PDB file of N, CA and C in Angstrom:
ATOM      1  N   MET A   1     -36.658 -86.097 -99.866  1.00  0.00           N
ATOM      2  CA  MET A   1     -37.204 -84.781 -99.653  1.00  0.00           C
ATOM      3  C   MET A   1     -36.722 -84.261 -98.294  1.00  0.00           C
ATOM      4  N   ALA A   2     -36.175 -83.089 -98.301  1.00  0.00           N
ATOM      5  CA  ALA A   2     -35.652 -82.495 -97.071  1.00  0.00           C
ATOM      6  C   ALA A   2     -36.768 -81.837 -96.258  1.00  0.00           C
ATOM      7  N   ARG A   3     -36.633 -81.939 -94.952  1.00  0.00           N
ATOM      8  CA  ARG A   3     -37.586 -81.253 -94.071  1.00  0.00           C
ATOM      9  C   ARG A   3     -37.245 -79.767 -94.104  1.00  0.00           C
ATOM     10  N   GLN A   4     -38.253 -78.951 -94.001  1.00  0.00           N
ATOM     11  CA  GLN A   4     -38.030 -77.533 -94.228  1.00  0.00           C
ATOM     12  C   GLN A   4     -37.842 -76.711 -92.969  1.00  0.00           C
ATOM     13  N   ASN A   5     -38.290 -77.181 -91.826  1.00  0.00           N
ATOM     14  CA  ASN A   5     -38.279 -76.344 -90.640  1.00  0.00           C
ATOM     15  C   ASN A   5     -37.688 -77.063 -89.436  1.00  0.00           C
ATOM     16  N   LYS A   6     -36.851 -76.353 -88.702  1.00  0.00           N
ATOM     17  CA  LYS A   6     -36.349 -76.884 -87.435  1.00  0.00           C
ATOM     18  C   LYS A   6     -37.412 -76.656 -86.384  1.00  0.00           C
ATOM     19  N   LYS A   7     -37.460 -77.506 -85.372  1.00  0.00           N
ATOM     20  CA  LYS A   7     -38.513 -77.382 -84.376  1.00  0.00           C
ATOM     21  C   LYS A   7     -38.422 -76.057 -83.620  1.00  0.00           C
ATOM     22  N   GLU A   8     -37.226 -75.488 -83.494  1.00  0.00           N
ATOM     23  CA  GLU A   8     -37.078 -74.192 -82.820  1.00  0.00           C
ATOM     24  C   GLU A   8     -37.757 -73.084 -83.611  1.00  0.00           C
ATOM     25  N   VAL A   9     -37.623 -73.124 -84.927  1.00  0.00           N
ATOM     26  CA  VAL A   9     -38.251 -72.122 -85.789  1.00  0.00           C
ATOM     27  C   VAL A   9     -39.774 -72.261 -85.706  1.00  0.00           C
ATOM     28  N   VAL A  10     -40.255 -73.478 -85.694  1.00  0.00           N
ATOM     29  CA  VAL A  10     -41.697 -73.718 -85.591  1.00  0.00           C
ATOM     30  C   VAL A  10     -42.212 -73.199 -84.253  1.00  0.00           C
ATOM     31  N   ALA A  11     -41.488 -73.480 -83.175  1.00  0.00           N
ATOM     32  CA  ALA A  11     -41.898 -73.023 -81.843  1.00  0.00           C
ATOM     33  C   ALA A  11     -41.949 -71.500 -81.783  1.00  0.00           C
ATOM     34  N   GLU A  12     -40.945 -70.835 -82.351  1.00  0.00           N
ATOM     35  CA  GLU A  12     -40.915 -69.368 -82.368  1.00  0.00           C
ATOM     36  C   GLU A  12     -42.094 -68.818 -83.173  1.00  0.00           C
ATOM     37  N   TYR A  13     -42.356 -69.426 -84.316  1.00  0.00           N
ATOM     38  CA  TYR A  13     -43.480 -68.993 -85.142  1.00  0.00           C
ATOM     39  C   TYR A  13     -44.797 -69.146 -84.381  1.00  0.00           C
ATOM     40  N   LEU A  14     -44.961 -70.269 -83.697  1.00  0.00           N
ATOM     41  CA  LEU A  14     -46.204 -70.503 -82.956  1.00  0.00           C
ATOM     42  C   LEU A  14     -46.430 -69.429 -81.891  1.00  0.00           C
ATOM     43  N   GLU A  15     -45.362 -69.023 -81.240  1.00  0.00           N
ATOM     44  CA  GLU A  15     -45.479 -67.947 -80.235  1.00  0.00           C
ATOM     45  C   GLU A  15     -45.922 -66.637 -80.880  1.00  0.00           C
ATOM     46  N   ILE A  16     -45.309 -66.297 -81.997  1.00  0.00           N
ATOM     47  CA  ILE A  16     -45.655 -65.054 -82.702  1.00  0.00           C
ATOM     48  C   ILE A  16     -47.098 -65.109 -83.190  1.00  0.00           C
ATOM     49  N   ALA A  17     -47.483 -66.218 -83.793  1.00  0.00           N
ATOM     50  CA  ALA A  17     -48.845 -66.356 -84.308  1.00  0.00           C
ATOM     51  C   ALA A  17     -49.858 -66.277 -83.167  1.00  0.00           C
ATOM     52  N   GLU A  18     -49.564 -66.924 -82.050  1.00  0.00           N
ATOM     53  CA  GLU A  18     -50.465 -66.873 -80.904  1.00  0.00           C
ATOM     54  C   GLU A  18     -50.653 -65.444 -80.423  1.00  0.00           C
ATOM     55  N   GLU A  19     -49.558 -64.699 -80.353  1.00  0.00           N
ATOM     56  CA  GLU A  19     -49.623 -63.304 -79.895  1.00  0.00           C
ATOM     57  C   GLU A  19     -50.480 -62.460 -80.843  1.00  0.00           C
ATOM     58  N   GLU A  20     -50.238 -62.600 -82.147  1.00  0.00           N
ATOM     59  CA  GLU A  20     -51.011 -61.829 -83.127  1.00  0.00           C
ATOM     60  C   GLU A  20     -52.492 -62.179 -83.091  1.00  0.00           C
ATOM     61  N   ILE A  21     -52.785 -63.468 -82.987  1.00  0.00           N
ATOM     62  CA  ILE A  21     -54.178 -63.907 -83.000  1.00  0.00           C
ATOM     63  C   ILE A  21     -54.904 -63.457 -81.737  1.00  0.00           C
ATOM     64  N   LEU A  22     -54.250 -63.531 -80.585  1.00  0.00           N
ATOM     65  CA  LEU A  22     -54.882 -63.099 -79.345  1.00  0.00           C
ATOM     66  C   LEU A  22     -55.093 -61.596 -79.303  1.00  0.00           C
ATOM     67  N   LYS A  23     -54.238 -60.833 -79.989  1.00  0.00           N
ATOM     68  CA  LYS A  23     -54.449 -59.378 -80.084  1.00  0.00           C
ATOM     69  C   LYS A  23     -55.709 -59.091 -80.899  1.00  0.00           C
ATOM     70  N   ARG A  24     -55.929 -59.888 -81.919  1.00  0.00           N
ATOM     71  CA  ARG A  24     -57.044 -59.652 -82.830  1.00  0.00           C
ATOM     72  C   ARG A  24     -58.367 -60.148 -82.263  1.00  0.00           C
ATOM     73  N   TRP A  25     -58.367 -61.313 -81.629  1.00  0.00           N
ATOM     74  CA  TRP A  25     -59.567 -61.899 -81.042  1.00  0.00           C
ATOM     75  C   TRP A  25     -59.264 -62.278 -79.600  1.00  0.00           C
ATOM     76  N   HIS A  26     -60.190 -61.948 -78.708  1.00  0.00           N
ATOM     77  CA  HIS A  26     -59.992 -62.273 -77.298  1.00  0.00           C
ATOM     78  C   HIS A  26     -60.046 -63.789 -77.064  1.00  0.00           C
ATOM     79  N   GLU A  27     -61.038 -64.427 -77.662  1.00  0.00           N
ATOM     80  CA  GLU A  27     -61.178 -65.888 -77.570  1.00  0.00           C
ATOM     81  C   GLU A  27     -61.323 -66.445 -78.985  1.00  0.00           C
ATOM     82  N   PRO A  28     -60.206 -66.667 -79.672  1.00  0.00           N
ATOM     83  CA  PRO A  28     -60.275 -67.088 -81.069  1.00  0.00           C
ATOM     84  C   PRO A  28     -60.784 -68.524 -81.234  1.00  0.00           C
ATOM     85  N   THR A  29     -61.494 -68.719 -82.329  1.00  0.00           N
ATOM     86  CA  THR A  29     -61.925 -70.070 -82.717  1.00  0.00           C
ATOM     87  C   THR A  29     -60.938 -70.594 -83.757  1.00  0.00           C
ATOM     88  N   ILE A  30     -61.080 -71.842 -84.117  1.00  0.00           N
ATOM     89  CA  ILE A  30     -60.240 -72.420 -85.166  1.00  0.00           C
ATOM     90  C   ILE A  30     -60.440 -71.643 -86.473  1.00  0.00           C
ATOM     91  N   GLN A  31     -61.680 -71.278 -86.775  1.00  0.00           N
ATOM     92  CA  GLN A  31     -61.965 -70.524 -87.994  1.00  0.00           C
ATOM     93  C   GLN A  31     -61.242 -69.174 -87.968  1.00  0.00           C
ATOM     94  N   ASP A  32     -61.220 -68.515 -86.803  1.00  0.00           N
ATOM     95  CA  ASP A  32     -60.518 -67.235 -86.681  1.00  0.00           C
ATOM     96  C   ASP A  32     -59.025 -67.400 -86.960  1.00  0.00           C
ATOM     97  N   MET A  33     -58.458 -68.464 -86.408  1.00  0.00           N
ATOM     98  CA  MET A  33     -57.023 -68.693 -86.599  1.00  0.00           C
ATOM     99  C   MET A  33     -56.690 -68.976 -88.061  1.00  0.00           C
ATOM    100  N   LEU A  34     -57.486 -69.823 -88.700  1.00  0.00           N
ATOM    101  CA  LEU A  34     -57.234 -70.117 -90.115  1.00  0.00           C
ATOM    102  C   LEU A  34     -57.417 -68.874 -90.966  1.00  0.00           C
ATOM    103  N   ARG A  35     -58.443 -68.104 -90.700  1.00  0.00           N
ATOM    104  CA  ARG A  35     -58.691 -66.864 -91.447  1.00  0.00           C
ATOM    105  C   ARG A  35     -57.474 -65.935 -91.317  1.00  0.00           C
ATOM    106  N   HIS A  36     -56.943 -65.823 -90.105  1.00  0.00           N
ATOM    107  CA  HIS A  36     -55.769 -64.979 -89.854  1.00  0.00           C
ATOM    108  C   HIS A  36     -54.569 -65.468 -90.673  1.00  0.00           C
ATOM    109  N   LEU A  37     -54.338 -66.775 -90.666  1.00  0.00           N
ATOM    110  CA  LEU A  37     -53.201 -67.338 -91.399  1.00  0.00           C
ATOM    111  C   LEU A  37     -53.342 -67.148 -92.890  1.00  0.00           C
ATOM    112  N   ILE A  38     -54.551 -67.276 -93.395  1.00  0.00           N
ATOM    113  CA  ILE A  38     -54.795 -67.071 -94.837  1.00  0.00           C
ATOM    114  C   ILE A  38     -54.603 -65.613 -95.201  1.00  0.00           C
ATOM    115  N   GLU A  39     -55.170 -64.708 -94.392  1.00  0.00           N
ATOM    116  CA  GLU A  39     -55.073 -63.283 -94.681  1.00  0.00           C
ATOM    117  C   GLU A  39     -53.628 -62.791 -94.638  1.00  0.00           C
ATOM    118  N   LYS A  40     -52.805 -63.363 -93.763  1.00  0.00           N
ATOM    119  CA  LYS A  40     -51.389 -62.989 -93.653  1.00  0.00           C
ATOM    120  C   LYS A  40     -50.546 -63.620 -94.753  1.00  0.00           C
ATOM    121  N   GLY A  41     -51.140 -64.509 -95.541  1.00  0.00           N
ATOM    122  CA  GLY A  41     -50.405 -65.158 -96.615  1.00  0.00           C
ATOM    123  C   GLY A  41     -49.551 -66.316 -96.137  1.00  0.00           C
ATOM    124  N   ILE A  42     -49.759 -66.760 -94.915  1.00  0.00           N
ATOM    125  CA  ILE A  42     -48.978 -67.852 -94.359  1.00  0.00           C
ATOM    126  C   ILE A  42     -49.498 -69.190 -94.877  1.00  0.00           C
ATOM    127  N   VAL A  43     -50.802 -69.314 -94.996  1.00  0.00           N
ATOM    128  CA  VAL A  43     -51.416 -70.512 -95.537  1.00  0.00           C
ATOM    129  C   VAL A  43     -51.960 -70.186 -96.912  1.00  0.00           C
ATOM    130  N   ASP A  44     -51.482 -70.908 -97.893  1.00  0.00           N
ATOM    131  CA  ASP A  44     -51.930 -70.713 -99.276  1.00  0.00           C
ATOM    132  C   ASP A  44     -53.329 -71.311 -99.438  1.00  0.00           C
ATOM    133  N   PRO A  45     -54.287 -70.557 -99.969  1.00  0.00           N
ATOM    134  CA  PRO A  45     -55.636 -71.091-100.164  1.00  0.00           C
ATOM    135  C   PRO A  45     -55.650 -72.388-100.974  1.00  0.00           C
ATOM    136  N   LYS A  46     -54.673 -72.546-101.879  1.00  0.00           N
ATOM    137  CA  LYS A  46     -54.595 -73.779-102.662  1.00  0.00           C
ATOM    138  C   LYS A  46     -54.297 -74.971-101.758  1.00  0.00           C
ATOM    139  N   ARG A  47     -53.497 -74.767-100.719  1.00  0.00           N
ATOM    140  CA  ARG A  47     -53.206 -75.848 -99.761  1.00  0.00           C
ATOM    141  C   ARG A  47     -54.477 -76.262 -99.027  1.00  0.00           C
ATOM    142  N   LEU A  48     -55.322 -75.281 -98.707  1.00  0.00           N
ATOM    143  CA  LEU A  48     -56.586 -75.606 -98.059  1.00  0.00           C
ATOM    144  C   LEU A  48     -57.466 -76.423 -99.005  1.00  0.00           C
ATOM    145  N   ARG A  49     -57.498 -76.016-100.258  1.00  0.00           N
ATOM    146  CA  ARG A  49     -58.278 -76.771-101.247  1.00  0.00           C
ATOM    147  C   ARG A  49     -57.748 -78.193-101.354  1.00  0.00           C
ATOM    148  N   ASN A  50     -56.420 -78.338-101.408  1.00  0.00           N
ATOM    149  CA  ASN A  50     -55.830 -79.667-101.494  1.00  0.00           C
ATOM    150  C   ASN A  50     -56.169 -80.518-100.272  1.00  0.00           C
ATOM    151  N   TYR A  51     -56.142 -79.903 -99.106  1.00  0.00           N
ATOM    152  CA  TYR A  51     -56.516 -80.621 -97.891  1.00  0.00           C
ATOM    153  C   TYR A  51     -57.955 -81.115 -97.995  1.00  0.00           C
ATOM    154  N   MET A  52     -58.840 -80.250 -98.473  1.00  0.00           N
ATOM    155  CA  MET A  52     -60.243 -80.635 -98.590  1.00  0.00           C
ATOM    156  C   MET A  52     -60.444 -81.728 -99.639  1.00  0.00           C
ATOM    157  N   ILE A  53     -59.671 -81.696-100.717  1.00  0.00           N
ATOM    158  CA  ILE A  53     -59.756 -82.745-101.730  1.00  0.00           C
ATOM    159  C   ILE A  53     -59.366 -84.082-101.114  1.00  0.00           C
ATOM    160  N   ILE A  54     -58.278 -84.099-100.357  1.00  0.00           N
ATOM    161  CA  ILE A  54     -57.835 -85.343 -99.720  1.00  0.00           C
ATOM    162  C   ILE A  54     -58.867 -85.830 -98.689  1.00  0.00           C
ATOM    163  N   TYR A  55     -59.384 -84.898 -97.906  1.00  0.00           N
ATOM    164  CA  TYR A  55     -60.411 -85.240 -96.917  1.00  0.00           C
ATOM    165  C   TYR A  55     -61.655 -85.808 -97.613  1.00  0.00           C
ATOM    166  N   ASP A  56     -62.124 -85.104 -98.645  1.00  0.00           N
ATOM    167  CA  ASP A  56     -63.308 -85.557 -99.384  1.00  0.00           C
ATOM    168  C   ASP A  56     -63.046 -86.890-100.084  1.00  0.00           C
ATOM    169  N   PHE A  57     -61.834 -87.089-100.579  1.00  0.00           N
ATOM    170  CA  PHE A  57     -61.498 -88.345-101.247  1.00  0.00           C
ATOM    171  C   PHE A  57     -61.716 -89.525-100.304  1.00  0.00           C
ATOM    172  N   ASP A  58     -61.201 -89.401 -99.080  1.00  0.00           N
ATOM    173  CA  ASP A  58     -61.348 -90.489 -98.121  1.00  0.00           C
ATOM    174  C   ASP A  58     -62.820 -90.734 -97.781  1.00  0.00           C
ATOM    175  N   CYS A  59     -63.601 -89.664 -97.629  1.00  0.00           N
ATOM    176  CA  CYS A  59     -65.037 -89.802 -97.313  1.00  0.00           C
ATOM    177  C   CYS A  59     -65.807 -90.391 -98.496  1.00  0.00           C
ATOM    178  N   LEU A  60     -65.561 -89.864 -99.695  1.00  0.00           N
ATOM    179  CA  LEU A  60     -66.294 -90.310-100.881  1.00  0.00           C
ATOM    180  C   LEU A  60     -65.922 -91.731-101.279  1.00  0.00           C
ATOM    181  N   LEU A  61     -64.687 -92.127-101.003  1.00  0.00           N
ATOM    182  CA  LEU A  61     -64.255 -93.474-101.347  1.00  0.00           C
ATOM    183  C   LEU A  61     -65.113 -94.507-100.616  1.00  0.00           C
ATOM    184  N   LYS A  62     -65.455 -94.208 -99.372  1.00  0.00           N
ATOM    185  CA  LYS A  62     -66.348 -95.099 -98.615  1.00  0.00           C
ATOM    186  C   LYS A  62     -67.748 -95.091 -99.227  1.00  0.00           C
ATOM    187  N   PHE A  63     -68.232 -93.885 -99.575  1.00  0.00           N
ATOM    188  CA  PHE A  63     -69.566 -93.743-100.176  1.00  0.00           C
ATOM    189  C   PHE A  63     -69.641 -94.467-101.524  1.00  0.00           C
ATOM    190  N   ASN A  64     -68.571 -94.374-102.306  1.00  0.00           N
ATOM    191  CA  ASN A  64     -68.522 -95.012-103.631  1.00  0.00           C
ATOM    192  C   ASN A  64     -68.067 -96.471-103.557  1.00  0.00           C
ATOM    193  N   GLU A  65     -68.065 -97.026-102.372  1.00  0.00           N
ATOM    194  CA  GLU A  65     -67.714 -98.423-102.140  1.00  0.00           C
ATOM    195  C   GLU A  65     -66.362 -98.799-102.724  1.00  0.00           C
ATOM    196  N   GLY A  66     -65.388 -97.918-102.524  1.00  0.00           N
ATOM    197  CA  GLY A  66     -64.024 -98.216-102.942  1.00  0.00           C
ATOM    198  C   GLY A  66     -63.713 -97.963-104.407  1.00  0.00           C
ATOM    199  N   ASN A  67     -64.661 -97.427-105.168  1.00  0.00           N
ATOM    200  CA  ASN A  67     -64.436 -97.175-106.582  1.00  0.00           C
ATOM    201  C   ASN A  67     -63.695 -95.851-106.757  1.00  0.00           C
ATOM    202  N   ARG A  68     -62.408 -95.942-107.025  1.00  0.00           N
ATOM    203  CA  ARG A  68     -61.575 -94.734-107.154  1.00  0.00           C
ATOM    204  C   ARG A  68     -61.950 -93.904-108.377  1.00  0.00           C
ATOM    205  N   THR A  69     -62.323 -94.552-109.472  1.00  0.00           N
ATOM    206  CA  THR A  69     -62.666 -93.822-110.696  1.00  0.00           C
ATOM    207  C   THR A  69     -63.841 -92.882-110.447  1.00  0.00           C
ATOM    208  N   HIS A  70     -64.894 -93.406-109.830  1.00  0.00           N
ATOM    209  CA  HIS A  70     -66.060 -92.562-109.537  1.00  0.00           C
ATOM    210  C   HIS A  70     -65.707 -91.461-108.537  1.00  0.00           C
ATOM    211  N   THR A  71     -64.854 -91.790-107.588  1.00  0.00           N
ATOM    212  CA  THR A  71     -64.456 -90.801-106.587  1.00  0.00           C
ATOM    213  C   THR A  71     -63.686 -89.661-107.232  1.00  0.00           C
ATOM    214  N   PHE A  72     -62.744 -89.978-108.127  1.00  0.00           N
ATOM    215  CA  PHE A  72     -61.990 -88.935-108.825  1.00  0.00           C
ATOM    216  C   PHE A  72     -62.927 -88.082-109.692  1.00  0.00           C
ATOM    217  N   MET A  73     -63.893 -88.717-110.347  1.00  0.00           N
ATOM    218  CA  MET A  73     -64.844 -87.960-111.162  1.00  0.00           C
ATOM    219  C   MET A  73     -65.679 -87.022-110.300  1.00  0.00           C
ATOM    220  N   ASP A  74     -66.192 -87.526-109.175  1.00  0.00           N
ATOM    221  CA  ASP A  74     -67.011 -86.710-108.279  1.00  0.00           C
ATOM    222  C   ASP A  74     -66.228 -85.487-107.776  1.00  0.00           C
ATOM    223  N   LEU A  75     -64.983 -85.706-107.401  1.00  0.00           N
ATOM    224  CA  LEU A  75     -64.168 -84.594-106.885  1.00  0.00           C
ATOM    225  C   LEU A  75     -63.807 -83.599-107.971  1.00  0.00           C
ATOM    226  N   SER A  76     -63.572 -84.077-109.180  1.00  0.00           N
ATOM    227  CA  SER A  76     -63.234 -83.146-110.273  1.00  0.00           C
ATOM    228  C   SER A  76     -64.424 -82.226-110.567  1.00  0.00           C
ATOM    229  N   ILE A  77     -65.628 -82.761-110.433  1.00  0.00           N
ATOM    230  CA  ILE A  77     -66.823 -81.932-110.625  1.00  0.00           C
ATOM    231  C   ILE A  77     -66.984 -80.948-109.471  1.00  0.00           C
ATOM    232  N   LYS A  78     -66.829 -81.429-108.253  1.00  0.00           N
ATOM    233  CA  LYS A  78     -67.010 -80.571-107.082  1.00  0.00           C
ATOM    234  C   LYS A  78     -66.028 -79.400-107.065  1.00  0.00           C
ATOM    235  N   TYR A  79     -64.765 -79.663-107.404  1.00  0.00           N
ATOM    236  CA  TYR A  79     -63.739 -78.612-107.315  1.00  0.00           C
ATOM    237  C   TYR A  79     -63.443 -77.951-108.661  1.00  0.00           C
ATOM    238  N   ASP A  80     -64.148 -78.353-109.706  1.00  0.00           N
ATOM    239  CA  ASP A  80     -63.998 -77.791-111.050  1.00  0.00           C
ATOM    240  C   ASP A  80     -62.546 -77.846-111.525  1.00  0.00           C
ATOM    241  N   ILE A  81     -61.950 -79.017-111.375  1.00  0.00           N
ATOM    242  CA  ILE A  81     -60.601 -79.286-111.885  1.00  0.00           C
ATOM    243  C   ILE A  81     -60.647 -80.635-112.587  1.00  0.00           C
ATOM    244  N   SER A  82     -59.591 -80.976-113.310  1.00  0.00           N
ATOM    245  CA  SER A  82     -59.582 -82.235-114.044  1.00  0.00           C
ATOM    246  C   SER A  82     -59.391 -83.421-113.095  1.00  0.00           C
ATOM    247  N   GLU A  83     -59.775 -84.584-113.571  1.00  0.00           N
ATOM    248  CA  GLU A  83     -59.579 -85.793-112.779  1.00  0.00           C
ATOM    249  C   GLU A  83     -58.083 -86.026-112.506  1.00  0.00           C
ATOM    250  N   ARG A  84     -57.264 -85.709-113.480  1.00  0.00           N
ATOM    251  CA  ARG A  84     -55.817 -85.863-113.317  1.00  0.00           C
ATOM    252  C   ARG A  84     -55.290 -84.967-112.192  1.00  0.00           C
ATOM    253  N   GLN A  85     -55.803 -83.751-112.101  1.00  0.00           N
ATOM    254  CA  GLN A  85     -55.390 -82.852-111.030  1.00  0.00           C
ATOM    255  C   GLN A  85     -55.799 -83.411-109.668  1.00  0.00           C
ATOM    256  N   VAL A  86     -56.987 -83.986-109.598  1.00  0.00           N
ATOM    257  CA  VAL A  86     -57.439 -84.595-108.353  1.00  0.00           C
ATOM    258  C   VAL A  86     -56.499 -85.738-107.975  1.00  0.00           C
ATOM    259  N   GLN A  87     -56.162 -86.568-108.949  1.00  0.00           N
ATOM    260  CA  GLN A  87     -55.243 -87.691-108.686  1.00  0.00           C
ATOM    261  C   GLN A  87     -53.898 -87.191-108.182  1.00  0.00           C
ATOM    262  N   SER A  88     -53.379 -86.150-108.815  1.00  0.00           N
ATOM    263  CA  SER A  88     -52.092 -85.593-108.401  1.00  0.00           C
ATOM    264  C   SER A  88     -52.143 -85.102-106.958  1.00  0.00           C
ATOM    265  N   VAL A  89     -53.223 -84.417-106.611  1.00  0.00           N
ATOM    266  CA  VAL A  89     -53.371 -83.921-105.238  1.00  0.00           C
ATOM    267  C   VAL A  89     -53.397 -85.083-104.270  1.00  0.00           C
ATOM    268  N   VAL A  90     -54.217 -86.075-104.561  1.00  0.00           N
ATOM    269  CA  VAL A  90     -54.369 -87.209-103.637  1.00  0.00           C
ATOM    270  C   VAL A  90     -53.054 -87.961-103.483  1.00  0.00           C
ATOM    271  N   TYR A  91     -52.374 -88.234-104.560  1.00  0.00           N
ATOM    272  CA  TYR A  91     -51.176 -89.068-104.487  1.00  0.00           C
ATOM    273  C   TYR A  91     -49.904 -88.311-104.104  1.00  0.00           C
ATOM    274  N   LYS A  92     -49.788 -87.039-104.501  1.00  0.00           N
ATOM    275  CA  LYS A  92     -48.542 -86.294-104.238  1.00  0.00           C
ATOM    276  C   LYS A  92     -48.622 -85.397-103.011  1.00  0.00           C
ATOM    277  N   GLU A  93     -49.790 -84.875-102.705  1.00  0.00           N
ATOM    278  CA  GLU A  93     -49.901 -83.918-101.608  1.00  0.00           C
ATOM    279  C   GLU A  93     -50.167 -84.583-100.267  1.00  0.00           C
ATOM    280  N   ARG A  94     -50.712 -85.779-100.255  1.00  0.00           N
ATOM    281  CA  ARG A  94     -51.053 -86.443 -99.001  1.00  0.00           C
ATOM    282  C   ARG A  94     -49.837 -86.586 -98.086  1.00  0.00           C
ATOM    283  N   LYS A  95     -48.696 -86.936 -98.651  1.00  0.00           N
ATOM    284  CA  LYS A  95     -47.500 -87.127 -97.831  1.00  0.00           C
ATOM    285  C   LYS A  95     -47.017 -85.837 -97.185  1.00  0.00           C
ATOM    286  N   LYS A  96     -47.381 -84.682 -97.758  1.00  0.00           N
ATOM    287  CA  LYS A  96     -46.965 -83.404 -97.191  1.00  0.00           C
ATOM    288  C   LYS A  96     -47.658 -83.096 -95.881  1.00  0.00           C
ATOM    289  N   GLU A  97     -48.739 -83.829 -95.566  1.00  0.00           N
ATOM    290  CA  GLU A  97     -49.454 -83.613 -94.319  1.00  0.00           C
ATOM    291  C   GLU A  97     -48.751 -84.261 -93.130  1.00  0.00           C
ATOM    292  N   MET A  98     -47.771 -85.108 -93.410  1.00  0.00           N
ATOM    293  CA  MET A  98     -47.070 -85.802 -92.326  1.00  0.00           C
ATOM    294  C   MET A  98     -46.076 -84.861 -91.660  1.00  0.00           C
ATOM    295  N   THR A  99     -46.100 -84.817 -90.325  1.00  0.00           N
ATOM    296  CA  THR A  99     -45.210 -83.945 -89.570  1.00  0.00           C
ATOM    297  C   THR A  99     -43.751 -84.237 -89.891  1.00  0.00           C
ATOM    298  N   THR A 100     -43.411 -85.514 -90.044  1.00  0.00           N
ATOM    299  CA  THR A 100     -42.020 -85.883 -90.297  1.00  0.00           C
ATOM    300  C   THR A 100     -41.501 -85.350 -91.619  1.00  0.00           C
ATOM    301  N   MET A 101     -42.393 -84.977 -92.526  1.00  0.00           N
ATOM    302  CA  MET A 101     -41.975 -84.405 -93.811  1.00  0.00           C
ATOM    303  C   MET A 101     -41.775 -82.901 -93.721  1.00  0.00           C
ATOM    304  N   ASN A 102     -42.212 -82.274 -92.621  1.00  0.00           N
ATOM    305  CA  ASN A 102     -42.197 -80.819 -92.523  1.00  0.00           C
ATOM    306  C   ASN A 102     -41.314 -80.246 -91.411  1.00  0.00           C
ATOM    307  N   ILE A 103     -41.064 -81.004 -90.365  1.00  0.00           N
ATOM    308  CA  ILE A 103     -40.351 -80.475 -89.216  1.00  0.00           C
ATOM    309  C   ILE A 103     -39.199 -81.394 -88.855  1.00  0.00           C
ATOM    310  N   THR A 104     -38.023 -80.824 -88.639  1.00  0.00           N
ATOM    311  CA  THR A 104     -36.878 -81.584 -88.201  1.00  0.00           C
ATOM    312  C   THR A 104     -36.883 -81.633 -86.680  1.00  0.00           C
ATOM    313  N   PHE A 105     -36.943 -82.827 -86.125  1.00  0.00           N
ATOM    314  CA  PHE A 105     -36.962 -82.989 -84.674  1.00  0.00           C
ATOM    315  C   PHE A 105     -35.575 -83.312 -84.145  1.00  0.00           C
TER     316      PHE A 105
END
């Protein structure tokens, strides 16, 4: 899998995003920044859902004492998607969170 962004492009984007966010809010919070990115179409709401599924998976796995089947069932109910979709998110999307998969250094 090829990395999609050079670090220079990421740095330039961060400067632009910071400028836009500071124009909109004097002292932005994390929620303000995420809201801005979602509203601009930069962050896909589905990616946020996938992030939350992965986060919840790790938390629920501890609660369910390591039982993956129950964890997948619990998440499919919470997010109103199939167990197979939850599995796909957990196994295929988790690696996308790694910086080395997204930015060329």
